[in-house]
Amino acid sequence: MTTTVVIQNLKCGGCVHTITKKLQTLEDVSQLEIDVENDRVSYNFNNRSTVDQVKEKLKVLGYPIMGETNTYFNKAKSFISCATGKLNQ
């Protein structure tokens, strides 16, 4: 199955690099695509529990799903994730 989520705080290629690296560690995630312009993360999965795992992983990185609370802490985490992604590209 394929799903797309709209996330908050997605800014650049550094964010994409960090999100890609972290989500690829989940066994059931494949065909990962991240659209910076539209704040979208799309991926294939087989197990419904993967969707919750992806949402939680994104939140931990500072990229909560659109509609969820976006605290200053989440925003700060996203800047750190972004910077880390830029350094590791």
PDB file of N, CA and C in Angstrom:
ATOM      1  N   MET A   1       0.838  -1.170   0.000  1.00  0.00           N
ATOM      2  CA  MET A   1       0.000   0.000   0.000  1.00  0.00           C
ATOM      3  C   MET A   1       0.889   1.241   0.000  1.00  0.00           C
ATOM      4  N   THR A   2       0.328   2.332  -0.481  1.00  0.00           N
ATOM      5  CA  THR A   2       1.038   3.607  -0.509  1.00  0.00           C
ATOM      6  C   THR A   2       0.259   4.635   0.296  1.00  0.00           C
ATOM      7  N   THR A   3       0.972   5.482   1.006  1.00  0.00           N
ATOM      8  CA  THR A   3       0.335   6.579   1.724  1.00  0.00           C
ATOM      9  C   THR A   3       1.185   7.830   1.601  1.00  0.00           C
ATOM     10  N   THR A   4       0.548   8.954   1.795  1.00  0.00           N
ATOM     11  CA  THR A   4       1.225  10.248   1.793  1.00  0.00           C
ATOM     12  C   THR A   4       0.777  11.015   3.025  1.00  0.00           C
ATOM     13  N   VAL A   5       1.738  11.590   3.729  1.00  0.00           N
ATOM     14  CA  VAL A   5       1.429  12.444   4.869  1.00  0.00           C
ATOM     15  C   VAL A   5       1.998  13.832   4.601  1.00  0.00           C
ATOM     16  N   VAL A   6       1.310  14.831   5.091  1.00  0.00           N
ATOM     17  CA  VAL A   6       1.781  16.212   4.996  1.00  0.00           C
ATOM     18  C   VAL A   6       2.367  16.564   6.355  1.00  0.00           C
ATOM     19  N   ILE A   7       3.610  17.044   6.341  1.00  0.00           N
ATOM     20  CA  ILE A   7       4.306  17.315   7.596  1.00  0.00           C
ATOM     21  C   ILE A   7       4.601  18.809   7.753  1.00  0.00           C
ATOM     22  N   GLN A   8       4.967  19.166   8.958  1.00  0.00           N
ATOM     23  CA  GLN A   8       5.330  20.543   9.284  1.00  0.00           C
ATOM     24  C   GLN A   8       6.853  20.663   9.404  1.00  0.00           C
ATOM     25  N   ASN A   9       7.362  21.861   9.220  1.00  0.00           N
ATOM     26  CA  ASN A   9       8.764  22.219   9.439  1.00  0.00           C
ATOM     27  C   ASN A   9       9.732  21.704   8.379  1.00  0.00           C
ATOM     28  N   LEU A  10       9.252  21.184   7.266  1.00  0.00           N
ATOM     29  CA  LEU A  10      10.125  20.705   6.193  1.00  0.00           C
ATOM     30  C   LEU A  10      10.663  21.909   5.434  1.00  0.00           C
ATOM     31  N   LYS A  11      11.988  22.053   5.386  1.00  0.00           N
ATOM     32  CA  LYS A  11      12.573  23.263   4.827  1.00  0.00           C
ATOM     33  C   LYS A  11      13.461  23.055   3.609  1.00  0.00           C
ATOM     34  N   CYS A  12      14.266  21.991   3.590  1.00  0.00           N
ATOM     35  CA  CYS A  12      15.298  21.923   2.556  1.00  0.00           C
ATOM     36  C   CYS A  12      15.806  20.494   2.368  1.00  0.00           C
ATOM     37  N   GLY A  13      16.852  20.390   1.562  1.00  0.00           N
ATOM     38  CA  GLY A  13      17.472  19.101   1.301  1.00  0.00           C
ATOM     39  C   GLY A  13      18.086  18.464   2.527  1.00  0.00           C
ATOM     40  N   GLY A  14      18.521  19.286   3.485  1.00  0.00           N
ATOM     41  CA  GLY A  14      19.051  18.733   4.731  1.00  0.00           C
ATOM     42  C   GLY A  14      17.980  17.978   5.492  1.00  0.00           C
ATOM     43  N   CYS A  15      16.780  18.553   5.521  1.00  0.00           N
ATOM     44  CA  CYS A  15      15.638  17.881   6.156  1.00  0.00           C
ATOM     45  C   CYS A  15      15.340  16.569   5.430  1.00  0.00           C
ATOM     46  N   VAL A  16      15.330  16.633   4.104  1.00  0.00           N
ATOM     47  CA  VAL A  16      15.046  15.442   3.289  1.00  0.00           C
ATOM     48  C   VAL A  16      16.061  14.350   3.588  1.00  0.00           C
ATOM     49  N   HIS A  17      17.333  14.719   3.660  1.00  0.00           N
ATOM     50  CA  HIS A  17      18.384  13.735   3.927  1.00  0.00           C
ATOM     51  C   HIS A  17      18.172  13.059   5.283  1.00  0.00           C
ATOM     52  N   THR A  18      17.907  13.852   6.308  1.00  0.00           N
ATOM     53  CA  THR A  18      17.694  13.300   7.649  1.00  0.00           C
ATOM     54  C   THR A  18      16.465  12.400   7.692  1.00  0.00           C
ATOM     55  N   ILE A  19      15.354  12.865   7.136  1.00  0.00           N
ATOM     56  CA  ILE A  19      14.120  12.074   7.142  1.00  0.00           C
ATOM     57  C   ILE A  19      14.326  10.776   6.380  1.00  0.00           C
ATOM     58  N   THR A  20      14.949  10.853   5.213  1.00  0.00           N
ATOM     59  CA  THR A  20      15.195   9.655   4.405  1.00  0.00           C
ATOM     60  C   THR A  20      16.038   8.653   5.177  1.00  0.00           C
ATOM     61  N   LYS A  21      17.123   9.119   5.753  1.00  0.00           N
ATOM     62  CA  LYS A  21      18.026   8.239   6.496  1.00  0.00           C
ATOM     63  C   LYS A  21      17.306   7.543   7.654  1.00  0.00           C
ATOM     64  N   LYS A  22      16.501   8.298   8.390  1.00  0.00           N
ATOM     65  CA  LYS A  22      15.820   7.729   9.563  1.00  0.00           C
ATOM     66  C   LYS A  22      14.657   6.810   9.185  1.00  0.00           C
ATOM     67  N   LEU A  23      13.881   7.177   8.167  1.00  0.00           N
ATOM     68  CA  LEU A  23      12.738   6.335   7.795  1.00  0.00           C
ATOM     69  C   LEU A  23      13.182   5.056   7.095  1.00  0.00           C
ATOM     70  N   GLN A  24      14.329   5.081   6.437  1.00  0.00           N
ATOM     71  CA  GLN A  24      14.819   3.870   5.787  1.00  0.00           C
ATOM     72  C   GLN A  24      15.254   2.811   6.791  1.00  0.00           C
ATOM     73  N   THR A  25      15.385   3.192   8.060  1.00  0.00           N
ATOM     74  CA  THR A  25      15.721   2.200   9.083  1.00  0.00           C
ATOM     75  C   THR A  25      14.510   1.349   9.460  1.00  0.00           C
ATOM     76  N   LEU A  26      13.311   1.801   9.087  1.00  0.00           N
ATOM     77  CA  LEU A  26      12.098   1.027   9.364  1.00  0.00           C
ATOM     78  C   LEU A  26      11.961  -0.059   8.301  1.00  0.00           C
ATOM     79  N   GLU A  27      11.823  -1.305   8.732  1.00  0.00           N
ATOM     80  CA  GLU A  27      11.809  -2.455   7.829  1.00  0.00           C
ATOM     81  C   GLU A  27      10.764  -2.379   6.731  1.00  0.00           C
ATOM     82  N   ASP A  28       9.600  -1.896   7.037  1.00  0.00           N
ATOM     83  CA  ASP A  28       8.465  -1.991   6.120  1.00  0.00           C
ATOM     84  C   ASP A  28       8.308  -0.771   5.209  1.00  0.00           C
ATOM     85  N   VAL A  29       9.220   0.194   5.273  1.00  0.00           N
ATOM     86  CA  VAL A  29       9.108   1.403   4.450  1.00  0.00           C
ATOM     87  C   VAL A  29       9.921   1.221   3.173  1.00  0.00           C
ATOM     88  N   SER A  30       9.270   1.475   2.024  1.00  0.00           N
ATOM     89  CA  SER A  30       9.964   1.422   0.735  1.00  0.00           C
ATOM     90  C   SER A  30       9.418   2.513  -0.174  1.00  0.00           C
ATOM     91  N   GLN A  31      10.091   2.727  -1.289  1.00  0.00           N
ATOM     92  CA  GLN A  31       9.653   3.721  -2.281  1.00  0.00           C
ATOM     93  C   GLN A  31       9.402   5.081  -1.633  1.00  0.00           C
ATOM     94  N   LEU A  32      10.315   5.499  -0.786  1.00  0.00           N
ATOM     95  CA  LEU A  32      10.179   6.753  -0.044  1.00  0.00           C
ATOM     96  C   LEU A  32      10.422   7.943  -0.969  1.00  0.00           C
ATOM     97  N   GLU A  33       9.489   8.886  -0.963  1.00  0.00           N
ATOM     98  CA  GLU A  33       9.621  10.119  -1.736  1.00  0.00           C
ATOM     99  C   GLU A  33       9.238  11.296  -0.842  1.00  0.00           C
ATOM    100  N   ILE A  34      10.056  12.347  -0.888  1.00  0.00           N
ATOM    101  CA  ILE A  34       9.796  13.533  -0.074  1.00  0.00           C
ATOM    102  C   ILE A  34       9.726  14.750  -0.986  1.00  0.00           C
ATOM    103  N   ASP A  35       8.621  15.464  -0.912  1.00  0.00           N
ATOM    104  CA  ASP A  35       8.354  16.648  -1.733  1.00  0.00           C
ATOM    105  C   ASP A  35       8.441  17.883  -0.838  1.00  0.00           C
ATOM    106  N   VAL A  36       9.573  18.587  -0.914  1.00  0.00           N
ATOM    107  CA  VAL A  36       9.810  19.745  -0.046  1.00  0.00           C
ATOM    108  C   VAL A  36       8.812  20.861  -0.328  1.00  0.00           C
ATOM    109  N   GLU A  37       8.524  21.113  -1.596  1.00  0.00           N
ATOM    110  CA  GLU A  37       7.632  22.222  -1.962  1.00  0.00           C
ATOM    111  C   GLU A  37       6.232  22.071  -1.381  1.00  0.00           C
ATOM    112  N   ASN A  38       5.759  20.826  -1.275  1.00  0.00           N
ATOM    113  CA  ASN A  38       4.405  20.575  -0.791  1.00  0.00           C
ATOM    114  C   ASN A  38       4.366  19.918   0.584  1.00  0.00           C
ATOM    115  N   ASP A  39       5.518  19.808   1.236  1.00  0.00           N
ATOM    116  CA  ASP A  39       5.612  19.245   2.598  1.00  0.00           C
ATOM    117  C   ASP A  39       5.062  17.822   2.693  1.00  0.00           C
ATOM    118  N   ARG A  40       5.272  17.024   1.660  1.00  0.00           N
ATOM    119  CA  ARG A  40       4.696  15.675   1.608  1.00  0.00           C
ATOM    120  C   ARG A  40       5.765  14.588   1.707  1.00  0.00           C
ATOM    121  N   VAL A  41       5.425  13.550   2.457  1.00  0.00           N
ATOM    122  CA  VAL A  41       6.241  12.348   2.549  1.00  0.00           C
ATOM    123  C   VAL A  41       5.368  11.192   2.080  1.00  0.00           C
ATOM    124  N   SER A  42       5.804  10.510   1.027  1.00  0.00           N
ATOM    125  CA  SER A  42       5.058   9.370   0.482  1.00  0.00           C
ATOM    126  C   SER A  42       5.924   8.124   0.591  1.00  0.00           C
ATOM    127  N   TYR A  43       5.280   6.991   0.841  1.00  0.00           N
ATOM    128  CA  TYR A  43       6.022   5.739   0.955  1.00  0.00           C
ATOM    129  C   TYR A  43       5.079   4.554   0.805  1.00  0.00           C
ATOM    130  N   ASN A  44       5.668   3.410   0.504  1.00  0.00           N
ATOM    131  CA  ASN A  44       4.931   2.147   0.443  1.00  0.00           C
ATOM    132  C   ASN A  44       5.148   1.398   1.756  1.00  0.00           C
ATOM    133  N   PHE A  45       4.146   0.602   2.122  1.00  0.00           N
ATOM    134  CA  PHE A  45       4.224  -0.208   3.339  1.00  0.00           C
ATOM    135  C   PHE A  45       3.295  -1.402   3.189  1.00  0.00           C
ATOM    136  N   ASN A  46       3.505  -2.429   4.005  1.00  0.00           N
ATOM    137  CA  ASN A  46       2.648  -3.614   3.994  1.00  0.00           C
ATOM    138  C   ASN A  46       1.831  -3.754   5.266  1.00  0.00           C
ATOM    139  N   ASN A  47       2.346  -3.259   6.370  1.00  0.00           N
ATOM    140  CA  ASN A  47       1.724  -3.440   7.672  1.00  0.00           C
ATOM    141  C   ASN A  47       1.194  -2.100   8.182  1.00  0.00           C
ATOM    142  N   ARG A  48      -0.063  -2.052   8.580  1.00  0.00           N
ATOM    143  CA  ARG A  48      -0.690  -0.806   9.051  1.00  0.00           C
ATOM    144  C   ARG A  48       0.065  -0.159  10.215  1.00  0.00           C
ATOM    145  N   SER A  49       0.704  -0.956  11.044  1.00  0.00           N
ATOM    146  CA  SER A  49       1.430  -0.388  12.184  1.00  0.00           C
ATOM    147  C   SER A  49       2.606   0.477  11.723  1.00  0.00           C
ATOM    148  N   THR A  50       3.061   0.264  10.499  1.00  0.00           N
ATOM    149  CA  THR A  50       4.157   1.066   9.949  1.00  0.00           C
ATOM    150  C   THR A  50       3.770   2.535   9.856  1.00  0.00           C
ATOM    151  N   VAL A  51       2.511   2.816   9.530  1.00  0.00           N
ATOM    152  CA  VAL A  51       2.045   4.199   9.409  1.00  0.00           C
ATOM    153  C   VAL A  51       2.235   4.931  10.736  1.00  0.00           C
ATOM    154  N   ASP A  52       1.871   4.293  11.830  1.00  0.00           N
ATOM    155  CA  ASP A  52       2.051   4.904  13.153  1.00  0.00           C
ATOM    156  C   ASP A  52       3.531   5.068  13.493  1.00  0.00           C
ATOM    157  N   GLN A  53       4.348   4.091  13.106  1.00  0.00           N
ATOM    158  CA  GLN A  53       5.786   4.178  13.357  1.00  0.00           C
ATOM    159  C   GLN A  53       6.402   5.354  12.606  1.00  0.00           C
ATOM    160  N   VAL A  54       5.987   5.545  11.358  1.00  0.00           N
ATOM    161  CA  VAL A  54       6.498   6.656  10.552  1.00  0.00           C
ATOM    162  C   VAL A  54       6.085   7.987  11.171  1.00  0.00           C
ATOM    163  N   LYS A  55       4.819   8.103  11.543  1.00  0.00           N
ATOM    164  CA  LYS A  55       4.343   9.352  12.152  1.00  0.00           C
ATOM    165  C   LYS A  55       5.114   9.668  13.430  1.00  0.00           C
ATOM    166  N   GLU A  56       5.354   8.659  14.251  1.00  0.00           N
ATOM    167  CA  GLU A  56       6.090   8.869  15.500  1.00  0.00           C
ATOM    168  C   GLU A  56       7.545   9.255  15.218  1.00  0.00           C
ATOM    169  N   LYS A  57       8.169   8.584  14.263  1.00  0.00           N
ATOM    170  CA  LYS A  57       9.560   8.892  13.911  1.00  0.00           C
ATOM    171  C   LYS A  57       9.674  10.323  13.399  1.00  0.00           C
ATOM    172  N   LEU A  58       8.728  10.740  12.553  1.00  0.00           N
ATOM    173  CA  LEU A  58       8.732  12.111  12.040  1.00  0.00           C
ATOM    174  C   LEU A  58       8.575  13.121  13.180  1.00  0.00           C
ATOM    175  N   LYS A  59       7.682  12.824  14.109  1.00  0.00           N
ATOM    176  CA  LYS A  59       7.458  13.726  15.247  1.00  0.00           C
ATOM    177  C   LYS A  59       8.717  13.849  16.099  1.00  0.00           C
ATOM    178  N   VAL A  60       9.378  12.732  16.362  1.00  0.00           N
ATOM    179  CA  VAL A  60      10.606  12.727  17.156  1.00  0.00           C
ATOM    180  C   VAL A  60      11.695  13.565  16.476  1.00  0.00           C
ATOM    181  N   LEU A  61      11.732  13.538  15.149  1.00  0.00           N
ATOM    182  CA  LEU A  61      12.722  14.311  14.397  1.00  0.00           C
ATOM    183  C   LEU A  61      12.387  15.800  14.327  1.00  0.00           C
ATOM    184  N   GLY A  62      11.146  16.156  14.703  1.00  0.00           N
ATOM    185  CA  GLY A  62      10.734  17.557  14.663  1.00  0.00           C
ATOM    186  C   GLY A  62       9.834  17.905  13.496  1.00  0.00           C
ATOM    187  N   TYR A  63       9.265  16.874  12.852  1.00  0.00           N
ATOM    188  CA  TYR A  63       8.391  17.070  11.698  1.00  0.00           C
ATOM    189  C   TYR A  63       7.019  16.444  11.948  1.00  0.00           C
ATOM    190  N   PRO A  64       6.225  17.034  12.846  1.00  0.00           N
ATOM    191  CA  PRO A  64       4.908  16.449  13.129  1.00  0.00           C
ATOM    192  C   PRO A  64       3.988  16.531  11.914  1.00  0.00           C
ATOM    193  N   ILE A  65       3.010  15.659  11.893  1.00  0.00           N
ATOM    194  CA  ILE A  65       2.010  15.632  10.827  1.00  0.00           C
ATOM    195  C   ILE A  65       1.184  16.915  10.895  1.00  0.00           C
ATOM    196  N   MET A  66       0.831  17.445   9.726  1.00  0.00           N
ATOM    197  CA  MET A  66      -0.002  18.644   9.664  1.00  0.00           C
ATOM    198  C   MET A  66      -1.269  18.413  10.477  1.00  0.00           C
ATOM    199  N   GLY A  67      -1.612  19.374  11.312  1.00  0.00           N
ATOM    200  CA  GLY A  67      -2.788  19.266  12.170  1.00  0.00           C
ATOM    201  C   GLY A  67      -2.435  18.899  13.598  1.00  0.00           C
ATOM    202  N   GLU A  68      -1.257  18.289  13.791  1.00  0.00           N
ATOM    203  CA  GLU A  68      -0.794  17.998  15.146  1.00  0.00           C
ATOM    204  C   GLU A  68      -0.165  19.259  15.732  1.00  0.00           C
ATOM    205  N   THR A  69      -0.050  19.302  17.041  1.00  0.00           N
ATOM    206  CA  THR A  69       0.574  20.437  17.704  1.00  0.00           C
ATOM    207  C   THR A  69       2.029  20.560  17.267  1.00  0.00           C
ATOM    208  N   ASN A  70       2.412  21.764  16.879  1.00  0.00           N
ATOM    209  CA  ASN A  70       3.782  22.034  16.451  1.00  0.00           C
ATOM    210  C   ASN A  70       4.415  22.989  17.462  1.00  0.00           C
ATOM    211  N   THR A  71       5.015  22.414  18.485  1.00  0.00           N
ATOM    212  CA  THR A  71       5.588  23.204  19.572  1.00  0.00           C
ATOM    213  C   THR A  71       6.914  23.845  19.155  1.00  0.00           C
ATOM    214  N   TYR A  72       7.377  24.795  19.956  1.00  0.00           N
ATOM    215  CA  TYR A  72       8.697  25.379  19.711  1.00  0.00           C
ATOM    216  C   TYR A  72       9.773  24.307  19.798  1.00  0.00           C
ATOM    217  N   PHE A  73       9.569  23.332  20.658  1.00  0.00           N
ATOM    218  CA  PHE A  73      10.517  22.231  20.791  1.00  0.00           C
ATOM    219  C   PHE A  73      10.596  21.444  19.487  1.00  0.00           C
ATOM    220  N   ASN A  74       9.441  21.157  18.859  1.00  0.00           N
ATOM    221  CA  ASN A  74       9.438  20.469  17.565  1.00  0.00           C
ATOM    222  C   ASN A  74      10.162  21.293  16.515  1.00  0.00           C
ATOM    223  N   LYS A  75       9.897  22.585  16.496  1.00  0.00           N
ATOM    224  CA  LYS A  75      10.550  23.463  15.520  1.00  0.00           C
ATOM    225  C   LYS A  75      12.059  23.460  15.727  1.00  0.00           C
ATOM    226  N   ALA A  76      12.490  23.523  16.979  1.00  0.00           N
ATOM    227  CA  ALA A  76      13.927  23.499  17.277  1.00  0.00           C
ATOM    228  C   ALA A  76      14.546  22.177  16.842  1.00  0.00           C
ATOM    229  N   LYS A  77      13.851  21.069  17.121  1.00  0.00           N
ATOM    230  CA  LYS A  77      14.360  19.757  16.708  1.00  0.00           C
ATOM    231  C   LYS A  77      14.483  19.676  15.196  1.00  0.00           C
ATOM    232  N   SER A  78      13.530  20.275  14.473  1.00  0.00           N
ATOM    233  CA  SER A  78      13.596  20.220  13.010  1.00  0.00           C
ATOM    234  C   SER A  78      14.805  20.995  12.496  1.00  0.00           C
ATOM    235  N   PHE A  79      15.154  22.111  13.139  1.00  0.00           N
ATOM    236  CA  PHE A  79      16.346  22.855  12.726  1.00  0.00           C
ATOM    237  C   PHE A  79      17.610  22.033  12.970  1.00  0.00           C
ATOM    238  N   ILE A  80      17.645  21.312  14.079  1.00  0.00           N
ATOM    239  CA  ILE A  80      18.792  20.447  14.371  1.00  0.00           C
ATOM    240  C   ILE A  80      18.858  19.308  13.359  1.00  0.00           C
ATOM    241  N   SER A  81      17.713  18.686  13.066  1.00  0.00           N
ATOM    242  CA  SER A  81      17.668  17.617  12.067  1.00  0.00           C
ATOM    243  C   SER A  81      18.107  18.137  10.705  1.00  0.00           C
ATOM    244  N   CYS A  82      17.667  19.340  10.370  1.00  0.00           N
ATOM    245  CA  CYS A  82      18.020  19.974   9.103  1.00  0.00           C
ATOM    246  C   CYS A  82      19.533  20.180   9.020  1.00  0.00           C
ATOM    247  N   ALA A  83      20.107  20.756  10.053  1.00  0.00           N
ATOM    248  CA  ALA A  83      21.549  21.022  10.073  1.00  0.00           C
ATOM    249  C   ALA A  83      22.346  19.727  10.003  1.00  0.00           C
ATOM    250  N   THR A  84      21.917  18.720  10.745  1.00  0.00           N
ATOM    251  CA  THR A  84      22.583  17.424  10.719  1.00  0.00           C
ATOM    252  C   THR A  84      22.527  16.828   9.319  1.00  0.00           C
ATOM    253  N   GLY A  85      21.361  16.930   8.683  1.00  0.00           N
ATOM    254  CA  GLY A  85      21.206  16.417   7.326  1.00  0.00           C
ATOM    255  C   GLY A  85      22.109  17.118   6.339  1.00  0.00           C
ATOM    256  N   LYS A  86      22.266  18.427   6.484  1.00  0.00           N
ATOM    257  CA  LYS A  86      23.147  19.186   5.587  1.00  0.00           C
ATOM    258  C   LYS A  86      24.599  18.769   5.773  1.00  0.00           C
ATOM    259  N   LEU A  87      25.006  18.554   7.014  1.00  0.00           N
ATOM    260  CA  LEU A  87      26.385  18.163   7.287  1.00  0.00           C
ATOM    261  C   LEU A  87      26.699  16.761   6.783  1.00  0.00           C
ATOM    262  N   ASN A  88      25.704  15.897   6.753  1.00  0.00           N
ATOM    263  CA  ASN A  88      25.917  14.499   6.371  1.00  0.00           C
ATOM    264  C   ASN A  88      25.640  14.207   4.905  1.00  0.00           C
ATOM    265  N   GLN A  89      25.327  15.226   4.122  1.00  0.00           N
ATOM    266  CA  GLN A  89      25.025  14.984   2.703  1.00  0.00           C
ATOM    267  C   GLN A  89      26.271  14.633   1.943  1.00  0.00           C
TER     268      GLN A  89
END
